Amino acid sequence: MLYLLVSPRHVYRNIYYHKQTKNQWARDDPAFMILQVFGILAATAAYSVVGGVGVHGFLKALVPLLVVNYVVAGILLATVTWFVANRFLRHQNVHAADQQVEWQYAFDVHCNSFFAFFVFAYVLQFLFLPLLMKTSWISLFLGNSLFVLAASAYAYITYLGFHAMPFLQHQEIFLYTIPMAAVAYLISLFGFNVSHHLIDYYF
């Protein structure tokens, strides 16, 4: 998990070796996804304790954070990247065996990308929460910076996941969301505090 933050390329080199030995790109077991579910449970519990919302508030926040943001959004994002990769990014080589991106691998890429997003948008935000909840421009700048870093890390690790597949081309399409996030970030600095709005919404 640490490699996803400090050296994500190393992770996908290991996945390439996994393909050579197991003849599939996707993971064999759901252990990593289960760890992320527990991470979301722990983070939601921590925010609930700090916010003093009790068990009802915890369960109310858990449904959108776990079911919607992680499971449903993950399925949608995996399906979109899987479709784009298979439909538009595959090499058209008549002399090579036809290969396709497995949907399960696309979901694995989402899980890898979400871990980096989770660290920036959940863990670091929680650690800086006393500062982020202030109404100063510094808190706005720091909170929004964490989210643009989270979005950029998600896009970059997604790119690396599909870049590891030798039968794909033009995988840089998955990086196009980074400049879009940067533009939204610059606009948000004029007064839209992402952390304030999300904390108010969930807790």
N, C-alpha and C. Protein backbone atom coordinates (compact mmCIF):
# COMPACT_ATOMS: atom_id res chain seq x y z
N MET A 1 0.83 -1.20 0.00
CA MET A 1 0.00 0.00 0.00
C MET A 1 0.87 1.26 0.00
N LEU A 2 2.00 1.17 0.71
CA LEU A 2 2.91 2.31 0.76
C LEU A 2 3.44 2.65 -0.62
N TYR A 3 3.70 1.61 -1.43
CA TYR A 3 4.23 1.84 -2.78
C TYR A 3 3.26 2.66 -3.64
N LEU A 4 1.96 2.56 -3.38
CA LEU A 4 0.99 3.34 -4.15
C LEU A 4 1.16 4.83 -3.93
N LEU A 5 1.78 5.20 -2.80
CA LEU A 5 2.01 6.61 -2.51
C LEU A 5 3.40 7.07 -2.94
N VAL A 6 4.42 6.23 -2.71
CA VAL A 6 5.80 6.66 -2.95
C VAL A 6 6.35 6.18 -4.28
N SER A 7 5.84 5.06 -4.79
CA SER A 7 6.35 4.53 -6.07
C SER A 7 5.28 3.69 -6.76
N PRO A 8 4.21 4.34 -7.25
CA PRO A 8 3.12 3.56 -7.85
C PRO A 8 3.54 2.77 -9.09
N ARG A 9 4.58 3.22 -9.80
CA ARG A 9 5.05 2.45 -10.95
C ARG A 9 5.52 1.06 -10.53
N HIS A 10 6.11 0.97 -9.34
CA HIS A 10 6.59 -0.31 -8.84
C HIS A 10 5.43 -1.30 -8.68
N VAL A 11 4.28 -0.80 -8.24
CA VAL A 11 3.11 -1.64 -8.06
C VAL A 11 2.71 -2.28 -9.37
N TYR A 12 2.71 -1.49 -10.43
CA TYR A 12 2.25 -2.01 -11.71
C TYR A 12 3.30 -2.87 -12.41
N ARG A 13 4.55 -2.72 -12.04
CA ARG A 13 5.55 -3.68 -12.51
C ARG A 13 5.27 -5.06 -11.92
N ASN A 14 4.89 -5.07 -10.65
CA ASN A 14 4.54 -6.34 -10.01
C ASN A 14 3.30 -6.96 -10.64
N ILE A 15 2.34 -6.12 -11.04
CA ILE A 15 1.13 -6.62 -11.69
C ILE A 15 1.47 -7.24 -13.03
N TYR A 16 2.44 -6.68 -13.74
CA TYR A 16 2.87 -7.27 -15.02
C TYR A 16 3.46 -8.66 -14.79
N TYR A 17 4.25 -8.81 -13.73
CA TYR A 17 4.79 -10.13 -13.41
C TYR A 17 3.66 -11.09 -13.04
N HIS A 18 2.65 -10.57 -12.35
CA HIS A 18 1.49 -11.39 -11.99
C HIS A 18 0.80 -11.91 -13.25
N LYS A 19 0.71 -11.09 -14.27
CA LYS A 19 0.11 -11.50 -15.54
C LYS A 19 0.91 -12.64 -16.16
N GLN A 20 2.22 -12.56 -16.07
CA GLN A 20 3.07 -13.58 -16.67
C GLN A 20 2.93 -14.93 -15.95
N THR A 21 2.69 -14.90 -14.65
CA THR A 21 2.63 -16.15 -13.88
C THR A 21 1.22 -16.70 -13.73
N LYS A 22 0.21 -15.81 -13.61
CA LYS A 22 -1.17 -16.26 -13.38
C LYS A 22 -2.06 -16.13 -14.61
N ASN A 23 -1.53 -15.51 -15.66
CA ASN A 23 -2.26 -15.31 -16.91
C ASN A 23 -3.54 -14.48 -16.71
N GLN A 24 -3.49 -13.55 -15.79
CA GLN A 24 -4.57 -12.59 -15.64
C GLN A 24 -4.00 -11.33 -15.01
N TRP A 25 -4.62 -10.20 -15.34
CA TRP A 25 -4.15 -8.92 -14.82
C TRP A 25 -4.73 -8.63 -13.45
N ALA A 26 -5.93 -9.07 -13.20
CA ALA A 26 -6.62 -8.72 -11.95
C ALA A 26 -6.06 -9.51 -10.76
N ARG A 27 -6.28 -8.97 -9.57
CA ARG A 27 -5.86 -9.65 -8.34
C ARG A 27 -6.64 -10.96 -8.16
N ASP A 28 -6.02 -11.89 -7.40
CA ASP A 28 -6.67 -13.17 -7.14
C ASP A 28 -7.70 -13.09 -6.02
N ASP A 29 -7.50 -12.17 -5.09
CA ASP A 29 -8.39 -12.13 -3.93
C ASP A 29 -8.79 -10.67 -3.64
N PRO A 30 -9.88 -10.53 -2.89
CA PRO A 30 -10.39 -9.17 -2.62
C PRO A 30 -9.81 -8.53 -1.36
N ALA A 31 -8.67 -9.00 -0.87
CA ALA A 31 -8.13 -8.53 0.41
C ALA A 31 -7.91 -7.01 0.42
N PHE A 32 -7.38 -6.47 -0.68
CA PHE A 32 -7.09 -5.04 -0.72
C PHE A 32 -8.37 -4.22 -0.63
N MET A 33 -9.41 -4.68 -1.32
CA MET A 33 -10.69 -3.98 -1.27
C MET A 33 -11.28 -4.06 0.14
N ILE A 34 -11.15 -5.20 0.80
CA ILE A 34 -11.66 -5.35 2.16
C ILE A 34 -10.93 -4.41 3.12
N LEU A 35 -9.62 -4.27 2.95
CA LEU A 35 -8.85 -3.34 3.77
C LEU A 35 -9.34 -1.91 3.57
N GLN A 36 -9.68 -1.56 2.33
CA GLN A 36 -10.18 -0.21 2.07
C GLN A 36 -11.55 0.01 2.71
N VAL A 37 -12.39 -1.02 2.70
CA VAL A 37 -13.69 -0.91 3.35
C VAL A 37 -13.51 -0.64 4.85
N PHE A 38 -12.60 -1.38 5.48
CA PHE A 38 -12.32 -1.14 6.90
C PHE A 38 -11.74 0.26 7.12
N GLY A 39 -10.92 0.72 6.17
CA GLY A 39 -10.38 2.08 6.26
C GLY A 39 -11.47 3.13 6.23
N ILE A 40 -12.45 2.93 5.36
CA ILE A 40 -13.57 3.87 5.27
C ILE A 40 -14.42 3.81 6.54
N LEU A 41 -14.62 2.60 7.06
CA LEU A 41 -15.36 2.47 8.32
C LEU A 41 -14.66 3.21 9.45
N ALA A 42 -13.33 3.03 9.53
CA ALA A 42 -12.56 3.68 10.59
C ALA A 42 -12.58 5.20 10.43
N ALA A 43 -12.42 5.68 9.20
CA ALA A 43 -12.42 7.12 8.95
C ALA A 43 -13.79 7.72 9.29
N THR A 44 -14.85 7.04 8.88
CA THR A 44 -16.19 7.54 9.18
C THR A 44 -16.44 7.59 10.68
N ALA A 45 -15.96 6.56 11.39
CA ALA A 45 -16.10 6.54 12.85
C ALA A 45 -15.33 7.69 13.48
N ALA A 46 -14.12 7.95 12.99
CA ALA A 46 -13.30 9.03 13.54
C ALA A 46 -13.96 10.39 13.33
N TYR A 47 -14.46 10.64 12.12
CA TYR A 47 -15.15 11.91 11.85
C TYR A 47 -16.42 12.03 12.70
N SER A 48 -17.10 10.91 12.90
CA SER A 48 -18.33 10.93 13.68
C SER A 48 -18.06 11.26 15.14
N VAL A 49 -16.96 10.71 15.68
CA VAL A 49 -16.60 11.00 17.07
C VAL A 49 -16.26 12.48 17.22
N VAL A 50 -15.44 13.00 16.31
CA VAL A 50 -15.05 14.41 16.38
C VAL A 50 -16.27 15.32 16.21
N GLY A 51 -17.16 14.91 15.30
CA GLY A 51 -18.35 15.73 15.05
C GLY A 51 -19.44 15.55 16.09
N GLY A 52 -19.30 14.52 16.93
CA GLY A 52 -20.28 14.28 17.97
C GLY A 52 -21.66 13.94 17.44
N VAL A 53 -21.71 13.16 16.34
CA VAL A 53 -23.00 12.89 15.71
C VAL A 53 -23.63 11.58 16.18
N GLY A 54 -22.91 10.79 16.97
CA GLY A 54 -23.46 9.55 17.50
C GLY A 54 -23.57 8.44 16.48
N VAL A 55 -24.20 7.34 16.90
CA VAL A 55 -24.32 6.15 16.04
C VAL A 55 -25.19 6.45 14.82
N HIS A 56 -26.28 7.18 15.03
CA HIS A 56 -27.17 7.50 13.91
C HIS A 56 -26.43 8.33 12.86
N GLY A 57 -25.67 9.31 13.30
CA GLY A 57 -24.90 10.13 12.37
C GLY A 57 -23.84 9.32 11.66
N PHE A 58 -23.22 8.38 12.38
CA PHE A 58 -22.22 7.50 11.77
C PHE A 58 -22.83 6.68 10.64
N LEU A 59 -23.97 6.06 10.90
CA LEU A 59 -24.62 5.23 9.88
C LEU A 59 -25.12 6.09 8.72
N LYS A 60 -25.60 7.28 9.03
CA LYS A 60 -26.08 8.18 7.98
C LYS A 60 -24.95 8.60 7.05
N ALA A 61 -23.75 8.80 7.59
CA ALA A 61 -22.60 9.18 6.77
C ALA A 61 -22.00 7.98 6.06
N LEU A 62 -22.09 6.81 6.69
CA LEU A 62 -21.45 5.62 6.13
C LEU A 62 -22.06 5.20 4.81
N VAL A 63 -23.38 5.34 4.69
CA VAL A 63 -24.05 4.91 3.46
C VAL A 63 -23.51 5.65 2.23
N PRO A 64 -23.50 6.99 2.21
CA PRO A 64 -22.94 7.66 1.03
C PRO A 64 -21.43 7.47 0.89
N LEU A 65 -20.69 7.47 1.99
CA LEU A 65 -19.24 7.36 1.90
C LEU A 65 -18.79 5.99 1.41
N LEU A 66 -19.42 4.94 1.89
CA LEU A 66 -19.01 3.59 1.53
C LEU A 66 -19.76 3.09 0.30
N VAL A 67 -21.08 3.12 0.37
CA VAL A 67 -21.88 2.53 -0.70
C VAL A 67 -21.83 3.37 -1.98
N VAL A 68 -22.04 4.68 -1.83
CA VAL A 68 -22.12 5.54 -3.02
C VAL A 68 -20.72 5.92 -3.51
N ASN A 69 -19.91 6.54 -2.63
CA ASN A 69 -18.61 7.07 -3.07
C ASN A 69 -17.61 5.98 -3.44
N TYR A 70 -17.67 4.85 -2.75
CA TYR A 70 -16.67 3.80 -3.01
C TYR A 70 -17.20 2.72 -3.94
N VAL A 71 -18.32 2.08 -3.58
CA VAL A 71 -18.80 0.94 -4.36
C VAL A 71 -19.44 1.40 -5.67
N VAL A 72 -20.48 2.24 -5.57
CA VAL A 72 -21.21 2.63 -6.79
C VAL A 72 -20.31 3.45 -7.72
N ALA A 73 -19.63 4.47 -7.16
CA ALA A 73 -18.74 5.28 -7.99
C ALA A 73 -17.61 4.42 -8.56
N GLY A 74 -17.12 3.47 -7.76
CA GLY A 74 -16.05 2.59 -8.24
C GLY A 74 -16.51 1.73 -9.41
N ILE A 75 -17.71 1.19 -9.30
CA ILE A 75 -18.25 0.37 -10.40
C ILE A 75 -18.43 1.22 -11.66
N LEU A 76 -18.95 2.43 -11.49
CA LEU A 76 -19.15 3.31 -12.65
C LEU A 76 -17.81 3.71 -13.29
N LEU A 77 -16.84 4.11 -12.46
CA LEU A 77 -15.56 4.53 -12.99
C LEU A 77 -14.82 3.36 -13.63
N ALA A 78 -14.88 2.19 -13.01
CA ALA A 78 -14.24 1.01 -13.59
C ALA A 78 -14.87 0.65 -14.93
N THR A 79 -16.19 0.77 -15.00
CA THR A 79 -16.88 0.44 -16.25
C THR A 79 -16.52 1.43 -17.35
N VAL A 80 -16.45 2.71 -17.00
CA VAL A 80 -16.08 3.72 -18.00
C VAL A 80 -14.66 3.51 -18.51
N THR A 81 -13.70 3.32 -17.58
CA THR A 81 -12.30 3.14 -18.01
C THR A 81 -12.13 1.83 -18.76
N TRP A 82 -12.83 0.79 -18.34
CA TRP A 82 -12.79 -0.51 -19.04
C TRP A 82 -13.31 -0.36 -20.47
N PHE A 83 -14.43 0.35 -20.62
CA PHE A 83 -15.01 0.54 -21.95
C PHE A 83 -14.10 1.38 -22.83
N VAL A 84 -13.60 2.50 -22.29
CA VAL A 84 -12.72 3.37 -23.07
C VAL A 84 -11.45 2.63 -23.51
N ALA A 85 -10.86 1.87 -22.59
CA ALA A 85 -9.63 1.14 -22.92
C ALA A 85 -9.87 0.11 -24.02
N ASN A 86 -10.93 -0.66 -23.89
CA ASN A 86 -11.20 -1.71 -24.88
C ASN A 86 -11.69 -1.16 -26.21
N ARG A 87 -12.44 -0.07 -26.14
CA ARG A 87 -13.05 0.46 -27.37
C ARG A 87 -12.11 1.37 -28.16
N PHE A 88 -11.28 2.14 -27.45
CA PHE A 88 -10.52 3.17 -28.15
C PHE A 88 -8.99 3.04 -28.03
N LEU A 89 -8.48 2.31 -27.05
CA LEU A 89 -7.05 2.35 -26.78
C LEU A 89 -6.28 1.10 -27.18
N ARG A 90 -6.94 0.08 -27.64
CA ARG A 90 -6.23 -1.15 -27.99
C ARG A 90 -5.49 -1.00 -29.31
N HIS A 91 -4.30 -1.61 -29.37
CA HIS A 91 -3.56 -1.67 -30.63
C HIS A 91 -4.33 -2.51 -31.64
N GLN A 92 -4.37 -2.04 -32.85
CA GLN A 92 -4.97 -2.83 -33.92
C GLN A 92 -3.86 -3.55 -34.68
N ASN A 93 -3.49 -4.72 -34.17
CA ASN A 93 -2.38 -5.49 -34.74
C ASN A 93 -2.90 -6.86 -35.14
N VAL A 94 -2.99 -7.09 -36.44
CA VAL A 94 -3.55 -8.35 -36.94
C VAL A 94 -2.62 -9.52 -36.68
N HIS A 95 -1.34 -9.26 -36.40
CA HIS A 95 -0.38 -10.34 -36.18
C HIS A 95 -0.26 -10.75 -34.72
N ALA A 96 -0.95 -10.05 -33.84
CA ALA A 96 -0.87 -10.36 -32.41
C ALA A 96 -2.20 -10.92 -31.92
N ALA A 97 -2.13 -11.71 -30.88
CA ALA A 97 -3.35 -12.26 -30.30
C ALA A 97 -4.21 -11.14 -29.72
N ASP A 98 -5.52 -11.27 -29.92
CA ASP A 98 -6.44 -10.24 -29.44
C ASP A 98 -6.48 -10.27 -27.91
N GLN A 99 -6.23 -9.13 -27.30
CA GLN A 99 -6.27 -9.02 -25.85
C GLN A 99 -7.23 -7.91 -25.45
N GLN A 100 -7.87 -8.11 -24.32
CA GLN A 100 -8.81 -7.12 -23.81
C GLN A 100 -8.55 -6.86 -22.33
N VAL A 101 -8.93 -5.67 -21.90
CA VAL A 101 -8.84 -5.32 -20.49
C VAL A 101 -9.96 -6.03 -19.74
N GLU A 102 -9.62 -6.71 -18.66
CA GLU A 102 -10.61 -7.37 -17.83
C GLU A 102 -11.33 -6.30 -16.99
N TRP A 103 -12.66 -6.45 -16.84
CA TRP A 103 -13.38 -5.48 -16.01
C TRP A 103 -12.86 -5.52 -14.58
N GLN A 104 -12.55 -6.70 -14.09
CA GLN A 104 -12.05 -6.82 -12.72
C GLN A 104 -10.74 -6.07 -12.55
N TYR A 105 -9.90 -6.07 -13.60
CA TYR A 105 -8.66 -5.30 -13.52
C TYR A 105 -8.95 -3.81 -13.46
N ALA A 106 -9.92 -3.35 -14.25
CA ALA A 106 -10.29 -1.94 -14.21
C ALA A 106 -10.77 -1.55 -12.81
N PHE A 107 -11.47 -2.46 -12.13
CA PHE A 107 -11.90 -2.17 -10.77
C PHE A 107 -10.71 -2.19 -9.81
N ASP A 108 -9.74 -3.08 -10.05
CA ASP A 108 -8.51 -3.08 -9.26
C ASP A 108 -7.77 -1.75 -9.38
N VAL A 109 -7.74 -1.21 -10.60
CA VAL A 109 -7.09 0.09 -10.83
C VAL A 109 -7.82 1.16 -10.03
N HIS A 110 -9.14 1.11 -10.03
CA HIS A 110 -9.91 2.05 -9.21
C HIS A 110 -9.52 1.93 -7.74
N CYS A 111 -9.42 0.71 -7.24
CA CYS A 111 -9.07 0.50 -5.82
C CYS A 111 -7.69 1.08 -5.52
N ASN A 112 -6.73 0.86 -6.42
CA ASN A 112 -5.39 1.43 -6.24
C ASN A 112 -5.45 2.95 -6.21
N SER A 113 -6.18 3.52 -7.15
CA SER A 113 -6.29 4.98 -7.25
C SER A 113 -7.03 5.55 -6.06
N PHE A 114 -8.06 4.84 -5.61
CA PHE A 114 -8.85 5.33 -4.49
C PHE A 114 -8.01 5.38 -3.22
N PHE A 115 -7.04 4.46 -3.07
CA PHE A 115 -6.23 4.47 -1.86
C PHE A 115 -5.49 5.80 -1.72
N ALA A 116 -4.89 6.29 -2.81
CA ALA A 116 -4.21 7.58 -2.76
C ALA A 116 -5.21 8.70 -2.48
N PHE A 117 -6.37 8.63 -3.12
CA PHE A 117 -7.42 9.62 -2.87
C PHE A 117 -7.83 9.60 -1.40
N PHE A 118 -7.96 8.41 -0.84
CA PHE A 118 -8.36 8.23 0.56
C PHE A 118 -7.35 8.88 1.50
N VAL A 119 -6.08 8.70 1.24
CA VAL A 119 -5.04 9.26 2.10
C VAL A 119 -5.12 10.78 2.13
N PHE A 120 -5.28 11.41 0.95
CA PHE A 120 -5.33 12.87 0.89
C PHE A 120 -6.67 13.42 1.40
N ALA A 121 -7.77 12.85 0.92
CA ALA A 121 -9.09 13.45 1.16
C ALA A 121 -9.74 12.99 2.46
N TYR A 122 -9.30 11.88 3.00
CA TYR A 122 -9.89 11.38 4.25
C TYR A 122 -8.91 11.51 5.41
N VAL A 123 -7.73 10.90 5.27
CA VAL A 123 -6.78 10.83 6.38
C VAL A 123 -6.14 12.18 6.66
N LEU A 124 -5.52 12.79 5.65
CA LEU A 124 -4.84 14.07 5.88
C LEU A 124 -5.84 15.17 6.23
N GLN A 125 -7.01 15.12 5.62
CA GLN A 125 -8.02 16.11 5.97
C GLN A 125 -8.39 15.98 7.45
N PHE A 126 -8.51 14.74 7.93
CA PHE A 126 -8.84 14.54 9.34
C PHE A 126 -7.74 15.08 10.25
N LEU A 127 -6.48 14.84 9.87
CA LEU A 127 -5.37 15.30 10.70
C LEU A 127 -5.31 16.82 10.78
N PHE A 128 -5.72 17.49 9.70
CA PHE A 128 -5.69 18.96 9.68
C PHE A 128 -7.06 19.57 9.99
N LEU A 129 -7.99 18.75 10.47
CA LEU A 129 -9.36 19.21 10.65
C LEU A 129 -9.50 20.47 11.51
N PRO A 130 -8.77 20.58 12.65
CA PRO A 130 -8.91 21.82 13.45
C PRO A 130 -8.59 23.08 12.66
N LEU A 131 -7.62 23.00 11.76
CA LEU A 131 -7.27 24.15 10.94
C LEU A 131 -8.25 24.33 9.80
N LEU A 132 -8.67 23.22 9.19
CA LEU A 132 -9.53 23.29 8.01
C LEU A 132 -10.92 23.83 8.34
N MET A 133 -11.36 23.66 9.58
CA MET A 133 -12.70 24.11 9.95
C MET A 133 -12.75 25.60 10.30
N LYS A 134 -11.61 26.26 10.28
CA LYS A 134 -11.60 27.71 10.48
C LYS A 134 -12.11 28.41 9.23
N THR A 135 -12.44 29.67 9.36
CA THR A 135 -12.99 30.42 8.22
C THR A 135 -11.96 31.36 7.62
N SER A 136 -10.71 30.94 7.59
CA SER A 136 -9.65 31.75 7.01
C SER A 136 -9.33 31.28 5.60
N TRP A 137 -8.62 32.14 4.85
CA TRP A 137 -8.23 31.75 3.50
C TRP A 137 -7.20 30.64 3.53
N ILE A 138 -6.38 30.57 4.58
CA ILE A 138 -5.39 29.51 4.71
C ILE A 138 -6.07 28.15 4.81
N SER A 139 -7.16 28.07 5.58
CA SER A 139 -7.88 26.80 5.70
C SER A 139 -8.52 26.42 4.37
N LEU A 140 -9.05 27.42 3.65
CA LEU A 140 -9.62 27.16 2.33
C LEU A 140 -8.54 26.65 1.38
N PHE A 141 -7.38 27.30 1.39
CA PHE A 141 -6.27 26.92 0.51
C PHE A 141 -5.79 25.51 0.81
N LEU A 142 -5.59 25.20 2.09
CA LEU A 142 -5.07 23.88 2.47
C LEU A 142 -6.08 22.78 2.16
N GLY A 143 -7.33 23.00 2.54
CA GLY A 143 -8.36 21.98 2.30
C GLY A 143 -8.56 21.70 0.82
N ASN A 144 -8.67 22.76 0.02
CA ASN A 144 -8.87 22.57 -1.41
C ASN A 144 -7.64 21.98 -2.08
N SER A 145 -6.45 22.30 -1.55
CA SER A 145 -5.22 21.72 -2.09
C SER A 145 -5.19 20.22 -1.86
N LEU A 146 -5.65 19.78 -0.70
CA LEU A 146 -5.70 18.34 -0.43
C LEU A 146 -6.59 17.63 -1.43
N PHE A 147 -7.71 18.25 -1.78
CA PHE A 147 -8.64 17.60 -2.70
C PHE A 147 -8.12 17.60 -4.14
N VAL A 148 -7.44 18.66 -4.56
CA VAL A 148 -6.91 18.64 -5.92
C VAL A 148 -5.75 17.65 -6.02
N LEU A 149 -4.98 17.50 -4.94
CA LEU A 149 -3.94 16.47 -4.92
C LEU A 149 -4.56 15.08 -4.94
N ALA A 150 -5.65 14.89 -4.22
CA ALA A 150 -6.33 13.60 -4.21
C ALA A 150 -6.84 13.24 -5.60
N ALA A 151 -7.48 14.21 -6.28
CA ALA A 151 -8.00 13.96 -7.62
C ALA A 151 -6.88 13.70 -8.61
N SER A 152 -5.78 14.44 -8.50
CA SER A 152 -4.65 14.26 -9.40
C SER A 152 -3.98 12.91 -9.19
N ALA A 153 -3.84 12.51 -7.92
CA ALA A 153 -3.25 11.21 -7.62
C ALA A 153 -4.12 10.09 -8.16
N TYR A 154 -5.43 10.25 -8.04
CA TYR A 154 -6.36 9.24 -8.58
C TYR A 154 -6.16 9.09 -10.09
N ALA A 155 -6.12 10.23 -10.78
CA ALA A 155 -5.96 10.19 -12.24
C ALA A 155 -4.61 9.61 -12.64
N TYR A 156 -3.55 9.99 -11.94
CA TYR A 156 -2.20 9.52 -12.29
C TYR A 156 -2.06 8.01 -12.08
N ILE A 157 -2.57 7.49 -10.97
CA ILE A 157 -2.45 6.06 -10.71
C ILE A 157 -3.35 5.27 -11.67
N THR A 158 -4.48 5.84 -12.05
CA THR A 158 -5.32 5.21 -13.08
C THR A 158 -4.56 5.12 -14.39
N TYR A 159 -3.90 6.21 -14.76
CA TYR A 159 -3.08 6.22 -15.97
C TYR A 159 -2.01 5.14 -15.91
N LEU A 160 -1.30 5.03 -14.78
CA LEU A 160 -0.26 4.02 -14.65
C LEU A 160 -0.82 2.61 -14.77
N GLY A 161 -2.03 2.41 -14.22
CA GLY A 161 -2.64 1.09 -14.29
C GLY A 161 -2.87 0.63 -15.71
N PHE A 162 -3.33 1.53 -16.57
CA PHE A 162 -3.57 1.15 -17.96
C PHE A 162 -2.30 1.25 -18.81
N HIS A 163 -1.36 2.07 -18.36
CA HIS A 163 -0.09 2.16 -19.07
C HIS A 163 0.70 0.87 -18.94
N ALA A 164 0.43 0.10 -17.89
CA ALA A 164 1.14 -1.17 -17.67
C ALA A 164 0.73 -2.24 -18.69
N MET A 165 -0.35 -2.01 -19.40
CA MET A 165 -0.85 -3.01 -20.35
C MET A 165 -0.24 -2.73 -21.72
N PRO A 166 0.63 -3.62 -22.21
CA PRO A 166 1.39 -3.35 -23.44
C PRO A 166 0.54 -3.32 -24.71
N PHE A 167 -0.69 -3.82 -24.66
CA PHE A 167 -1.52 -3.83 -25.86
C PHE A 167 -2.40 -2.59 -25.96
N LEU A 168 -2.21 -1.62 -25.04
CA LEU A 168 -2.96 -0.37 -25.10
C LEU A 168 -2.06 0.76 -25.57
N GLN A 169 -2.65 1.80 -26.09
CA GLN A 169 -1.92 3.00 -26.51
C GLN A 169 -2.71 4.24 -26.11
N HIS A 170 -2.02 5.38 -26.10
CA HIS A 170 -2.64 6.68 -25.78
C HIS A 170 -3.33 6.68 -24.41
N GLN A 171 -2.71 6.01 -23.45
CA GLN A 171 -3.29 5.96 -22.10
C GLN A 171 -3.27 7.32 -21.42
N GLU A 172 -2.55 8.27 -21.99
CA GLU A 172 -2.50 9.61 -21.38
C GLU A 172 -3.87 10.28 -21.34
N ILE A 173 -4.84 9.69 -22.03
CA ILE A 173 -6.20 10.24 -21.97
C ILE A 173 -6.71 10.28 -20.54
N PHE A 174 -6.21 9.36 -19.70
CA PHE A 174 -6.66 9.31 -18.31
C PHE A 174 -6.06 10.43 -17.47
N LEU A 175 -5.10 11.16 -18.02
CA LEU A 175 -4.51 12.29 -17.31
C LEU A 175 -5.24 13.61 -17.60
N TYR A 176 -6.18 13.58 -18.54
CA TYR A 176 -6.83 14.82 -18.94
C TYR A 176 -7.66 15.44 -17.83
N THR A 177 -8.04 14.63 -16.84
CA THR A 177 -8.84 15.18 -15.74
C THR A 177 -7.98 16.05 -14.80
N ILE A 178 -6.65 15.91 -14.86
CA ILE A 178 -5.80 16.70 -13.95
C ILE A 178 -5.88 18.19 -14.26
N PRO A 179 -5.71 18.64 -15.51
CA PRO A 179 -5.87 20.08 -15.75
C PRO A 179 -7.28 20.57 -15.47
N MET A 180 -8.28 19.71 -15.67
CA MET A 180 -9.66 20.10 -15.33
C MET A 180 -9.79 20.32 -13.82
N ALA A 181 -9.17 19.42 -13.04
CA ALA A 181 -9.20 19.57 -11.58
C ALA A 181 -8.44 20.82 -11.16
N ALA A 182 -7.35 21.12 -11.87
CA ALA A 182 -6.55 22.30 -11.53
C ALA A 182 -7.35 23.59 -11.77
N VAL A 183 -8.10 23.63 -12.86
CA VAL A 183 -8.92 24.81 -13.15
C VAL A 183 -10.01 24.97 -12.08
N ALA A 184 -10.68 23.85 -11.74
CA ALA A 184 -11.70 23.91 -10.69
C ALA A 184 -11.10 24.35 -9.36
N TYR A 185 -9.88 23.89 -9.10
CA TYR A 185 -9.19 24.26 -7.86
C TYR A 185 -8.92 25.77 -7.81
N LEU A 186 -8.42 26.32 -8.89
CA LEU A 186 -8.13 27.76 -8.92
C LEU A 186 -9.39 28.59 -8.74
N ILE A 187 -10.47 28.14 -9.37
CA ILE A 187 -11.74 28.86 -9.21
C ILE A 187 -12.22 28.78 -7.76
N SER A 188 -12.04 27.59 -7.15
CA SER A 188 -12.53 27.39 -5.77
C SER A 188 -11.81 28.29 -4.77
N LEU A 189 -10.59 28.71 -5.09
CA LEU A 189 -9.83 29.55 -4.16
C LEU A 189 -10.44 30.93 -3.97
N PHE A 190 -11.42 31.27 -4.80
CA PHE A 190 -12.10 32.55 -4.66
C PHE A 190 -13.23 32.49 -3.63
N GLY A 191 -13.33 31.35 -2.90
CA GLY A 191 -14.30 31.35 -1.81
C GLY A 191 -15.07 30.07 -1.55
N PHE A 192 -14.83 29.01 -2.33
CA PHE A 192 -15.57 27.76 -2.12
C PHE A 192 -14.69 26.79 -1.35
N ASN A 193 -14.98 26.59 -0.07
CA ASN A 193 -14.19 25.71 0.78
C ASN A 193 -14.76 24.29 0.69
N VAL A 194 -14.04 23.42 -0.02
CA VAL A 194 -14.52 22.05 -0.26
C VAL A 194 -14.68 21.29 1.05
N SER A 195 -13.70 21.41 1.94
CA SER A 195 -13.76 20.69 3.22
C SER A 195 -14.99 21.09 4.02
N HIS A 196 -15.27 22.40 4.11
CA HIS A 196 -16.43 22.87 4.86
C HIS A 196 -17.72 22.26 4.31
N HIS A 197 -17.87 22.30 3.01
CA HIS A 197 -19.10 21.82 2.39
C HIS A 197 -19.28 20.32 2.58
N LEU A 198 -18.20 19.54 2.42
CA LEU A 198 -18.31 18.10 2.55
C LEU A 198 -18.55 17.66 4.00
N ILE A 199 -17.85 18.29 4.94
CA ILE A 199 -18.07 17.95 6.33
C ILE A 199 -19.50 18.29 6.75
N ASP A 200 -19.98 19.45 6.32
CA ASP A 200 -21.36 19.84 6.64
C ASP A 200 -22.36 18.87 6.02
N TYR A 201 -22.06 18.39 4.82
CA TYR A 201 -22.99 17.51 4.11
C TYR A 201 -23.06 16.13 4.78
N TYR A 202 -21.90 15.57 5.10
CA TYR A 202 -21.86 14.20 5.62
C TYR A 202 -22.11 14.13 7.13
N PHE A 203 -21.66 15.13 7.86
CA PHE A 203 -21.72 15.04 9.32
C PHE A 203 -22.47 16.21 9.97
